[in-house]
Amino acid sequence: MTDLPLLAAAGFLAGAMNAAAGGGSFVTLPALIFAGLPSVTANASSTVALYPGSLASSWAYRDGLSGLAGVPLAPLAVASIAGGLLGAALLLATPPVAFDRIVPWLLLAATLALGCGREAGARLRGRVRLGAAPVVAVQFLLGIYGGYFGGAVGIMMMAVWSLLSGADLKAMNPAKTLLVAAANTAAVVWFVAAGAVAWPETLAVLVPGALGGYVGARAALRVRPAHLRAGVTFVAGAMTAAFFLRAW
């Protein structure tokens, strides 16, 4: 019971962060581990807890939804769902000790891609023109990442799409939110069916997370893209450092 206020606060903040740009699991995953859950269980529970928040954010962003890099949302959503299912299966097959070692490197990759994505993306787009099939394939890989590690999937998705599209973070936010929800749909079904969710802790995060998701989406519409990128990159870097310290 003493952990419930912490988990509720973490849920609200994480829902708002996910709606703004991503990285909500940077808050809920440590909070759930602090509450006593093993890392793999905490990761699965975090994904389930933040899922309603991603749906609330998608609804708040509904007027701004559009495709990415010239590809409609429908095939990208299908790729996200398929990848999320595979990623969830891989997570439950990973020993907790190995997962603790892998997580910091996943976070570091997302942070570097986000921080350097704008410049690298401009160079890449000047030399390479990707068709629909490679873009959908990239989204499938992002779905795997999302199903395997819910933390920073929104940040990683924004970082990769910064490479493939000239749009700013604010313009990509609605589609990102929907595609993260699509990947998490498959992961949530898998985690619940496998009995990998710690329900008391999950429910303590879930309701505030849904509220934070809607509130954060409405607030993010008023934030400047440059400020959004800087804020998310700072949070990503700080949490990456924290997870490296925890692992070693």
C-alpha atoms as a PDB file:
ATOM      1  CA  MET A   1       0.000   0.000   0.000  1.00  0.00           C
ATOM      2  CA  THR A   2       2.861   2.397   0.692  1.00  0.00           C
ATOM      3  CA  ASP A   3       3.922   2.125  -2.962  1.00  0.00           C
ATOM      4  CA  LEU A   4       0.518   3.136  -4.381  1.00  0.00           C
ATOM      5  CA  PRO A   5       1.024   6.955  -4.290  1.00  0.00           C
ATOM      6  CA  LEU A   6       4.405   6.556  -6.016  1.00  0.00           C
ATOM      7  CA  LEU A   7       2.949   4.297  -8.697  1.00  0.00           C
ATOM      8  CA  ALA A   8      -0.035   6.592  -9.275  1.00  0.00           C
ATOM      9  CA  ALA A   9       2.200   9.650  -9.655  1.00  0.00           C
ATOM     10  CA  ALA A  10       4.526   7.719 -11.965  1.00  0.00           C
ATOM     11  CA  GLY A  11       1.545   6.631 -14.063  1.00  0.00           C
ATOM     12  CA  PHE A  12       0.215  10.151 -14.559  1.00  0.00           C
ATOM     13  CA  LEU A  13       3.639  11.571 -15.425  1.00  0.00           C
ATOM     14  CA  ALA A  14       4.424   8.671 -17.768  1.00  0.00           C
ATOM     15  CA  GLY A  15       1.108   9.006 -19.584  1.00  0.00           C
ATOM     16  CA  ALA A  16       1.756  12.706 -20.137  1.00  0.00           C
ATOM     17  CA  MET A  17       5.320  12.047 -21.321  1.00  0.00           C
ATOM     18  CA  ASN A  18       4.201   9.382 -23.789  1.00  0.00           C
ATOM     19  CA  ALA A  19       1.621  11.760 -25.209  1.00  0.00           C
ATOM     20  CA  ALA A  20       4.157  14.579 -25.544  1.00  0.00           C
ATOM     21  CA  ALA A  21       6.919  12.596 -27.246  1.00  0.00           C
ATOM     22  CA  GLY A  22       7.603   9.284 -25.502  1.00  0.00           C
ATOM     23  CA  GLY A  23       9.722   7.918 -22.695  1.00  0.00           C
ATOM     24  CA  GLY A  24       6.947   7.302 -20.169  1.00  0.00           C
ATOM     25  CA  SER A  25       8.305   3.893 -19.264  1.00  0.00           C
ATOM     26  CA  PHE A  26      11.484   5.650 -18.140  1.00  0.00           C
ATOM     27  CA  VAL A  27       9.289   6.607 -15.161  1.00  0.00           C
ATOM     28  CA  THR A  28       7.022   3.589 -14.658  1.00  0.00           C
ATOM     29  CA  LEU A  29       9.655   0.876 -15.131  1.00  0.00           C
ATOM     30  CA  PRO A  30      11.913   2.140 -12.303  1.00  0.00           C
ATOM     31  CA  ALA A  31       8.837   2.776 -10.132  1.00  0.00           C
ATOM     32  CA  LEU A  32       7.578  -0.786 -10.609  1.00  0.00           C
ATOM     33  CA  ILE A  33      11.033  -2.222  -9.944  1.00  0.00           C
ATOM     34  CA  PHE A  34      11.257  -0.061  -6.809  1.00  0.00           C
ATOM     35  CA  ALA A  35       7.895  -1.531  -5.774  1.00  0.00           C
ATOM     36  CA  GLY A  36       9.533  -4.964  -5.790  1.00  0.00           C
ATOM     37  CA  LEU A  37       8.760  -6.447  -9.200  1.00  0.00           C
ATOM     38  CA  PRO A  38      11.402  -8.373 -11.209  1.00  0.00           C
ATOM     39  CA  SER A  39      12.571  -6.430 -14.265  1.00  0.00           C
ATOM     40  CA  VAL A  40      10.817  -8.552 -16.914  1.00  0.00           C
ATOM     41  CA  THR A  41       7.543  -8.541 -14.958  1.00  0.00           C
ATOM     42  CA  ALA A  42       7.920  -4.798 -14.365  1.00  0.00           C
ATOM     43  CA  ASN A  43       8.431  -4.186 -18.085  1.00  0.00           C
ATOM     44  CA  ALA A  44       5.396  -6.261 -19.076  1.00  0.00           C
ATOM     45  CA  SER A  45       3.274  -4.613 -16.355  1.00  0.00           C
ATOM     46  CA  SER A  46       4.432  -1.151 -17.431  1.00  0.00           C
ATOM     47  CA  THR A  47       3.371  -1.824 -21.024  1.00  0.00           C
ATOM     48  CA  VAL A  48      -0.083  -2.970 -19.933  1.00  0.00           C
ATOM     49  CA  ALA A  49      -0.497  -0.082 -17.484  1.00  0.00           C
ATOM     50  CA  LEU A  50       0.357   2.592 -20.052  1.00  0.00           C
ATOM     51  CA  TYR A  51      -1.725   1.075 -22.847  1.00  0.00           C
ATOM     52  CA  PRO A  52      -5.012   2.898 -22.012  1.00  0.00           C
ATOM     53  CA  GLY A  53      -3.043   6.148 -21.859  1.00  0.00           C
ATOM     54  CA  SER A  54      -1.784   5.599 -25.411  1.00  0.00           C
ATOM     55  CA  LEU A  55      -5.371   5.041 -26.568  1.00  0.00           C
ATOM     56  CA  ALA A  56      -6.484   8.246 -24.823  1.00  0.00           C
ATOM     57  CA  SER A  57      -3.629  10.158 -26.455  1.00  0.00           C
ATOM     58  CA  SER A  58      -4.498   8.734 -29.887  1.00  0.00           C
ATOM     59  CA  TRP A  59      -8.066   9.964 -29.454  1.00  0.00           C
ATOM     60  CA  ALA A  60      -6.853  13.412 -28.432  1.00  0.00           C
ATOM     61  CA  TYR A  61      -4.629  13.531 -31.540  1.00  0.00           C
ATOM     62  CA  ARG A  62      -7.260  12.149 -33.934  1.00  0.00           C
ATOM     63  CA  ASP A  63      -7.521  15.338 -36.003  1.00  0.00           C
ATOM     64  CA  GLY A  64      -3.789  15.335 -36.759  1.00  0.00           C
ATOM     65  CA  LEU A  65      -3.349  11.720 -37.844  1.00  0.00           C
ATOM     66  CA  SER A  66      -1.598  11.153 -41.172  1.00  0.00           C
ATOM     67  CA  GLY A  67       0.877   8.769 -42.785  1.00  0.00           C
ATOM     68  CA  LEU A  68       4.648   8.900 -42.438  1.00  0.00           C
ATOM     69  CA  ALA A  69       7.301   9.216 -45.158  1.00  0.00           C
ATOM     70  CA  GLY A  70       4.595   8.970 -47.807  1.00  0.00           C
ATOM     71  CA  VAL A  71       3.181   5.685 -46.481  1.00  0.00           C
ATOM     72  CA  PRO A  72      -0.442   5.487 -45.218  1.00  0.00           C
ATOM     73  CA  LEU A  73      -1.086   4.612 -41.581  1.00  0.00           C
ATOM     74  CA  ALA A  74      -2.911   1.305 -42.227  1.00  0.00           C
ATOM     75  CA  PRO A  75       0.101  -0.782 -43.412  1.00  0.00           C
ATOM     76  CA  LEU A  76       2.292   0.848 -40.764  1.00  0.00           C
ATOM     77  CA  ALA A  77      -0.228  -0.129 -38.069  1.00  0.00           C
ATOM     78  CA  VAL A  78      -0.346  -3.737 -39.295  1.00  0.00           C
ATOM     79  CA  ALA A  79       3.459  -3.908 -39.259  1.00  0.00           C
ATOM     80  CA  SER A  80       3.490  -2.453 -35.734  1.00  0.00           C
ATOM     81  CA  ILE A  81       1.011  -5.045 -34.447  1.00  0.00           C
ATOM     82  CA  ALA A  82       2.924  -7.951 -36.005  1.00  0.00           C
ATOM     83  CA  GLY A  83       6.232  -6.682 -34.654  1.00  0.00           C
ATOM     84  CA  GLY A  84       4.761  -6.047 -31.215  1.00  0.00           C
ATOM     85  CA  LEU A  85       3.566  -9.640 -30.975  1.00  0.00           C
ATOM     86  CA  LEU A  86       7.007 -11.005 -31.851  1.00  0.00           C
ATOM     87  CA  GLY A  87       8.739  -8.595 -29.477  1.00  0.00           C
ATOM     88  CA  ALA A  88       6.485  -9.581 -26.575  1.00  0.00           C
ATOM     89  CA  ALA A  89       7.240 -13.257 -27.161  1.00  0.00           C
ATOM     90  CA  LEU A  90      10.975 -12.514 -27.194  1.00  0.00           C
ATOM     91  CA  LEU A  91      10.718 -10.572 -23.917  1.00  0.00           C
ATOM     92  CA  LEU A  92       9.119 -13.442 -22.023  1.00  0.00           C
ATOM     93  CA  ALA A  93      11.804 -15.773 -23.371  1.00  0.00           C
ATOM     94  CA  THR A  94      14.610 -13.512 -22.078  1.00  0.00           C
ATOM     95  CA  PRO A  95      16.082 -14.287 -18.621  1.00  0.00           C
ATOM     96  CA  PRO A  96      15.772 -11.282 -16.248  1.00  0.00           C
ATOM     97  CA  VAL A  97      19.560 -11.051 -15.788  1.00  0.00           C
ATOM     98  CA  ALA A  98      20.095 -10.819 -19.543  1.00  0.00           C
ATOM     99  CA  PHE A  99      17.287  -8.271 -19.869  1.00  0.00           C
ATOM    100  CA  ASP A 100      18.905  -6.062 -17.212  1.00  0.00           C
ATOM    101  CA  ARG A 101      22.081  -6.036 -19.323  1.00  0.00           C
ATOM    102  CA  ILE A 102      20.334  -5.341 -22.626  1.00  0.00           C
ATOM    103  CA  VAL A 103      18.079  -2.460 -21.529  1.00  0.00           C
ATOM    104  CA  PRO A 104      20.744   0.272 -21.114  1.00  0.00           C
ATOM    105  CA  TRP A 105      22.081  -0.353 -24.623  1.00  0.00           C
ATOM    106  CA  LEU A 106      18.583  -0.114 -26.095  1.00  0.00           C
ATOM    107  CA  LEU A 107      18.104   3.195 -24.309  1.00  0.00           C
ATOM    108  CA  LEU A 108      21.489   4.473 -25.461  1.00  0.00           C
ATOM    109  CA  ALA A 109      20.662   3.627 -29.080  1.00  0.00           C
ATOM    110  CA  ALA A 110      17.363   5.513 -28.820  1.00  0.00           C
ATOM    111  CA  THR A 111      18.979   8.538 -27.186  1.00  0.00           C
ATOM    112  CA  LEU A 112      21.758   8.790 -29.785  1.00  0.00           C
ATOM    113  CA  ALA A 113      19.322   8.335 -32.659  1.00  0.00           C
ATOM    114  CA  LEU A 114      17.082  11.077 -31.299  1.00  0.00           C
ATOM    115  CA  GLY A 115      19.917  13.489 -30.551  1.00  0.00           C
ATOM    116  CA  CYS A 116      21.640  13.018 -33.916  1.00  0.00           C
ATOM    117  CA  GLY A 117      18.611  12.083 -36.003  1.00  0.00           C
ATOM    118  CA  ARG A 118      17.901  15.456 -37.529  1.00  0.00           C
ATOM    119  CA  GLU A 119      21.321  15.982 -39.107  1.00  0.00           C
ATOM    120  CA  ALA A 120      21.826  12.336 -40.049  1.00  0.00           C
ATOM    121  CA  GLY A 121      18.321  12.194 -41.491  1.00  0.00           C
ATOM    122  CA  ALA A 122      18.910  15.188 -43.762  1.00  0.00           C
ATOM    123  CA  ARG A 123      22.044  13.541 -45.167  1.00  0.00           C
ATOM    124  CA  LEU A 124      20.341  10.167 -45.555  1.00  0.00           C
ATOM    125  CA  ARG A 125      17.334  11.603 -47.378  1.00  0.00           C
ATOM    126  CA  GLY A 126      19.680  13.477 -49.711  1.00  0.00           C
ATOM    127  CA  ARG A 127      21.270  10.209 -50.844  1.00  0.00           C
ATOM    128  CA  VAL A 128      18.605   7.533 -50.401  1.00  0.00           C
ATOM    129  CA  ARG A 129      14.940   7.463 -51.404  1.00  0.00           C
ATOM    130  CA  LEU A 130      13.081   4.687 -49.577  1.00  0.00           C
ATOM    131  CA  GLY A 131       9.957   3.141 -51.077  1.00  0.00           C
ATOM    132  CA  ALA A 132       6.912   1.927 -49.192  1.00  0.00           C
ATOM    133  CA  ALA A 133       8.175  -1.633 -48.610  1.00  0.00           C
ATOM    134  CA  PRO A 134      11.410  -0.652 -46.779  1.00  0.00           C
ATOM    135  CA  VAL A 135       9.502   1.890 -44.680  1.00  0.00           C
ATOM    136  CA  VAL A 136       6.962  -0.754 -43.606  1.00  0.00           C
ATOM    137  CA  ALA A 137       9.828  -3.163 -42.860  1.00  0.00           C
ATOM    138  CA  VAL A 138      11.458  -0.538 -40.631  1.00  0.00           C
ATOM    139  CA  GLN A 139       8.150  -0.106 -38.813  1.00  0.00           C
ATOM    140  CA  PHE A 140       7.960  -3.867 -38.246  1.00  0.00           C
ATOM    141  CA  LEU A 141      11.375  -3.740 -36.561  1.00  0.00           C
ATOM    142  CA  LEU A 142      10.177  -0.805 -34.445  1.00  0.00           C
ATOM    143  CA  GLY A 143       7.159  -2.890 -33.480  1.00  0.00           C
ATOM    144  CA  ILE A 144       9.478  -5.675 -32.297  1.00  0.00           C
ATOM    145  CA  TYR A 145      11.393  -3.124 -30.233  1.00  0.00           C
ATOM    146  CA  GLY A 146       8.127  -1.839 -28.778  1.00  0.00           C
ATOM    147  CA  GLY A 147       6.835  -5.278 -27.859  1.00  0.00           C
ATOM    148  CA  TYR A 148      10.177  -6.294 -26.369  1.00  0.00           C
ATOM    149  CA  PHE A 149      10.940  -3.112 -24.500  1.00  0.00           C
ATOM    150  CA  GLY A 150       8.088  -0.691 -23.956  1.00  0.00           C
ATOM    151  CA  GLY A 151      10.487   1.885 -22.525  1.00  0.00           C
ATOM    152  CA  ALA A 152      11.525   4.519 -25.058  1.00  0.00           C
ATOM    153  CA  VAL A 153       9.633   2.948 -27.946  1.00  0.00           C
ATOM    154  CA  GLY A 154       8.041   6.317 -28.662  1.00  0.00           C
ATOM    155  CA  ILE A 155      11.436   7.994 -28.522  1.00  0.00           C
ATOM    156  CA  MET A 156      12.989   5.333 -30.764  1.00  0.00           C
ATOM    157  CA  MET A 157      10.113   5.639 -33.219  1.00  0.00           C
ATOM    158  CA  MET A 158      10.488   9.425 -33.368  1.00  0.00           C
ATOM    159  CA  ALA A 159      14.241   9.065 -33.768  1.00  0.00           C
ATOM    160  CA  VAL A 160      13.974   6.639 -36.683  1.00  0.00           C
ATOM    161  CA  TRP A 161      11.248   8.632 -38.385  1.00  0.00           C
ATOM    162  CA  SER A 162      13.460  11.709 -38.053  1.00  0.00           C
ATOM    163  CA  LEU A 163      15.853   9.843 -40.344  1.00  0.00           C
ATOM    164  CA  LEU A 164      13.160   8.923 -42.867  1.00  0.00           C
ATOM    165  CA  SER A 165      11.001  12.052 -42.850  1.00  0.00           C
ATOM    166  CA  GLY A 166      11.682  15.760 -42.817  1.00  0.00           C
ATOM    167  CA  ALA A 167       8.732  16.402 -40.490  1.00  0.00           C
ATOM    168  CA  ASP A 168       9.385  17.801 -37.028  1.00  0.00           C
ATOM    169  CA  LEU A 169       8.596  15.927 -33.807  1.00  0.00           C
ATOM    170  CA  LYS A 170       5.344  17.780 -33.234  1.00  0.00           C
ATOM    171  CA  ALA A 171       4.023  16.853 -36.679  1.00  0.00           C
ATOM    172  CA  MET A 172       4.963  13.184 -36.188  1.00  0.00           C
ATOM    173  CA  ASN A 173       3.460  12.959 -32.708  1.00  0.00           C
ATOM    174  CA  PRO A 174      -0.101  11.903 -33.661  1.00  0.00           C
ATOM    175  CA  ALA A 175       1.026   9.072 -35.936  1.00  0.00           C
ATOM    176  CA  LYS A 176       3.700   8.008 -33.457  1.00  0.00           C
ATOM    177  CA  THR A 177       1.155   7.775 -30.666  1.00  0.00           C
ATOM    178  CA  LEU A 178      -1.191   5.621 -32.747  1.00  0.00           C
ATOM    179  CA  LEU A 179       1.575   3.289 -33.945  1.00  0.00           C
ATOM    180  CA  VAL A 180       2.939   2.832 -30.425  1.00  0.00           C
ATOM    181  CA  ALA A 181      -0.602   1.891 -29.343  1.00  0.00           C
ATOM    182  CA  ALA A 182      -0.796  -0.581 -32.238  1.00  0.00           C
ATOM    183  CA  ALA A 183       2.466  -2.302 -31.262  1.00  0.00           C
ATOM    184  CA  ASN A 184       1.411  -2.365 -27.625  1.00  0.00           C
ATOM    185  CA  THR A 185      -1.959  -3.919 -28.495  1.00  0.00           C
ATOM    186  CA  ALA A 186      -0.276  -7.161 -29.510  1.00  0.00           C
ATOM    187  CA  ALA A 187       2.149  -7.019 -26.581  1.00  0.00           C
ATOM    188  CA  VAL A 188      -0.640  -6.420 -24.039  1.00  0.00           C
ATOM    189  CA  VAL A 189      -2.649  -9.393 -25.318  1.00  0.00           C
ATOM    190  CA  TRP A 190       0.428 -11.624 -25.132  1.00  0.00           C
ATOM    191  CA  PHE A 191       1.479 -10.482 -21.648  1.00  0.00           C
ATOM    192  CA  VAL A 192      -2.036 -10.905 -20.209  1.00  0.00           C
ATOM    193  CA  ALA A 193      -2.501 -14.328 -21.799  1.00  0.00           C
ATOM    194  CA  ALA A 194       0.900 -15.473 -20.485  1.00  0.00           C
ATOM    195  CA  GLY A 195       0.112 -14.323 -16.935  1.00  0.00           C
ATOM    196  CA  ALA A 196       3.123 -12.002 -16.952  1.00  0.00           C
ATOM    197  CA  VAL A 197       1.324  -9.007 -15.411  1.00  0.00           C
ATOM    198  CA  ALA A 198       1.405  -8.008 -11.725  1.00  0.00           C
ATOM    199  CA  TRP A 199      -2.148  -6.670 -11.531  1.00  0.00           C
ATOM    200  CA  PRO A 200      -2.209  -4.724  -8.241  1.00  0.00           C
ATOM    201  CA  GLU A 201       0.786  -2.595  -9.236  1.00  0.00           C
ATOM    202  CA  THR A 202      -0.418  -2.359 -12.844  1.00  0.00           C
ATOM    203  CA  LEU A 203      -3.832  -1.022 -11.880  1.00  0.00           C
ATOM    204  CA  ALA A 204      -2.217   1.565  -9.594  1.00  0.00           C
ATOM    205  CA  VAL A 205      -0.403   2.956 -12.662  1.00  0.00           C
ATOM    206  CA  LEU A 206      -3.114   2.356 -15.274  1.00  0.00           C
ATOM    207  CA  VAL A 207      -5.875   4.807 -14.303  1.00  0.00           C
ATOM    208  CA  PRO A 208      -3.606   7.828 -13.645  1.00  0.00           C
ATOM    209  CA  GLY A 209      -1.687   6.911 -16.811  1.00  0.00           C
ATOM    210  CA  ALA A 210      -4.836   7.151 -18.941  1.00  0.00           C
ATOM    211  CA  LEU A 211      -5.630  10.571 -17.467  1.00  0.00           C
ATOM    212  CA  GLY A 212      -2.057  11.744 -17.986  1.00  0.00           C
ATOM    213  CA  GLY A 213      -2.141  10.515 -21.584  1.00  0.00           C
ATOM    214  CA  TYR A 214      -5.091  12.706 -22.470  1.00  0.00           C
ATOM    215  CA  VAL A 215      -3.840  15.744 -20.555  1.00  0.00           C
ATOM    216  CA  GLY A 216      -0.345  15.403 -22.024  1.00  0.00           C
ATOM    217  CA  ALA A 217      -1.643  15.167 -25.585  1.00  0.00           C
ATOM    218  CA  ARG A 218      -3.627  18.373 -25.231  1.00  0.00           C
ATOM    219  CA  ALA A 219      -0.665  20.179 -23.667  1.00  0.00           C
ATOM    220  CA  ALA A 220       1.822  18.922 -26.284  1.00  0.00           C
ATOM    221  CA  LEU A 221      -0.139  20.640 -29.044  1.00  0.00           C
ATOM    222  CA  ARG A 222       1.058  23.970 -27.602  1.00  0.00           C
ATOM    223  CA  VAL A 223       4.757  23.100 -27.184  1.00  0.00           C
ATOM    224  CA  ARG A 224       7.379  24.231 -29.702  1.00  0.00           C
ATOM    225  CA  PRO A 225       9.030  21.321 -31.594  1.00  0.00           C
ATOM    226  CA  ALA A 226      12.574  22.424 -30.638  1.00  0.00           C
ATOM    227  CA  HIS A 227      11.655  22.509 -26.952  1.00  0.00           C
ATOM    228  CA  LEU A 228       9.950  19.128 -27.254  1.00  0.00           C
ATOM    229  CA  ARG A 229      13.034  17.530 -28.812  1.00  0.00           C
ATOM    230  CA  ALA A 230      15.368  19.068 -26.231  1.00  0.00           C
ATOM    231  CA  GLY A 231      13.220  17.961 -23.313  1.00  0.00           C
ATOM    232  CA  VAL A 232      12.818  14.399 -24.521  1.00  0.00           C
ATOM    233  CA  THR A 233      16.509  14.064 -25.338  1.00  0.00           C
ATOM    234  CA  PHE A 234      17.415  15.262 -21.833  1.00  0.00           C
ATOM    235  CA  VAL A 235      15.070  12.766 -20.163  1.00  0.00           C
ATOM    236  CA  ALA A 236      16.296   9.964 -22.406  1.00  0.00           C
ATOM    237  CA  GLY A 237      19.943  10.715 -21.617  1.00  0.00           C
ATOM    238  CA  ALA A 238      19.345  10.921 -17.863  1.00  0.00           C
ATOM    239  CA  MET A 239      17.428   7.655 -17.704  1.00  0.00           C
ATOM    240  CA  THR A 240      19.961   5.903 -19.935  1.00  0.00           C
ATOM    241  CA  ALA A 241      22.703   6.861 -17.498  1.00  0.00           C
ATOM    242  CA  ALA A 242      20.568   5.655 -14.571  1.00  0.00           C
ATOM    243  CA  PHE A 243      19.989   2.261 -16.171  1.00  0.00           C
ATOM    244  CA  PHE A 244      23.688   1.842 -16.943  1.00  0.00           C
ATOM    245  CA  LEU A 245      24.466   2.532 -13.298  1.00  0.00           C
ATOM    246  CA  ARG A 246      21.831   0.023 -12.220  1.00  0.00           C
ATOM    247  CA  ALA A 247      23.125  -2.700 -14.560  1.00  0.00           C
ATOM    248  CA  TRP A 248      26.764  -2.232 -13.544  1.00  0.00           C
END
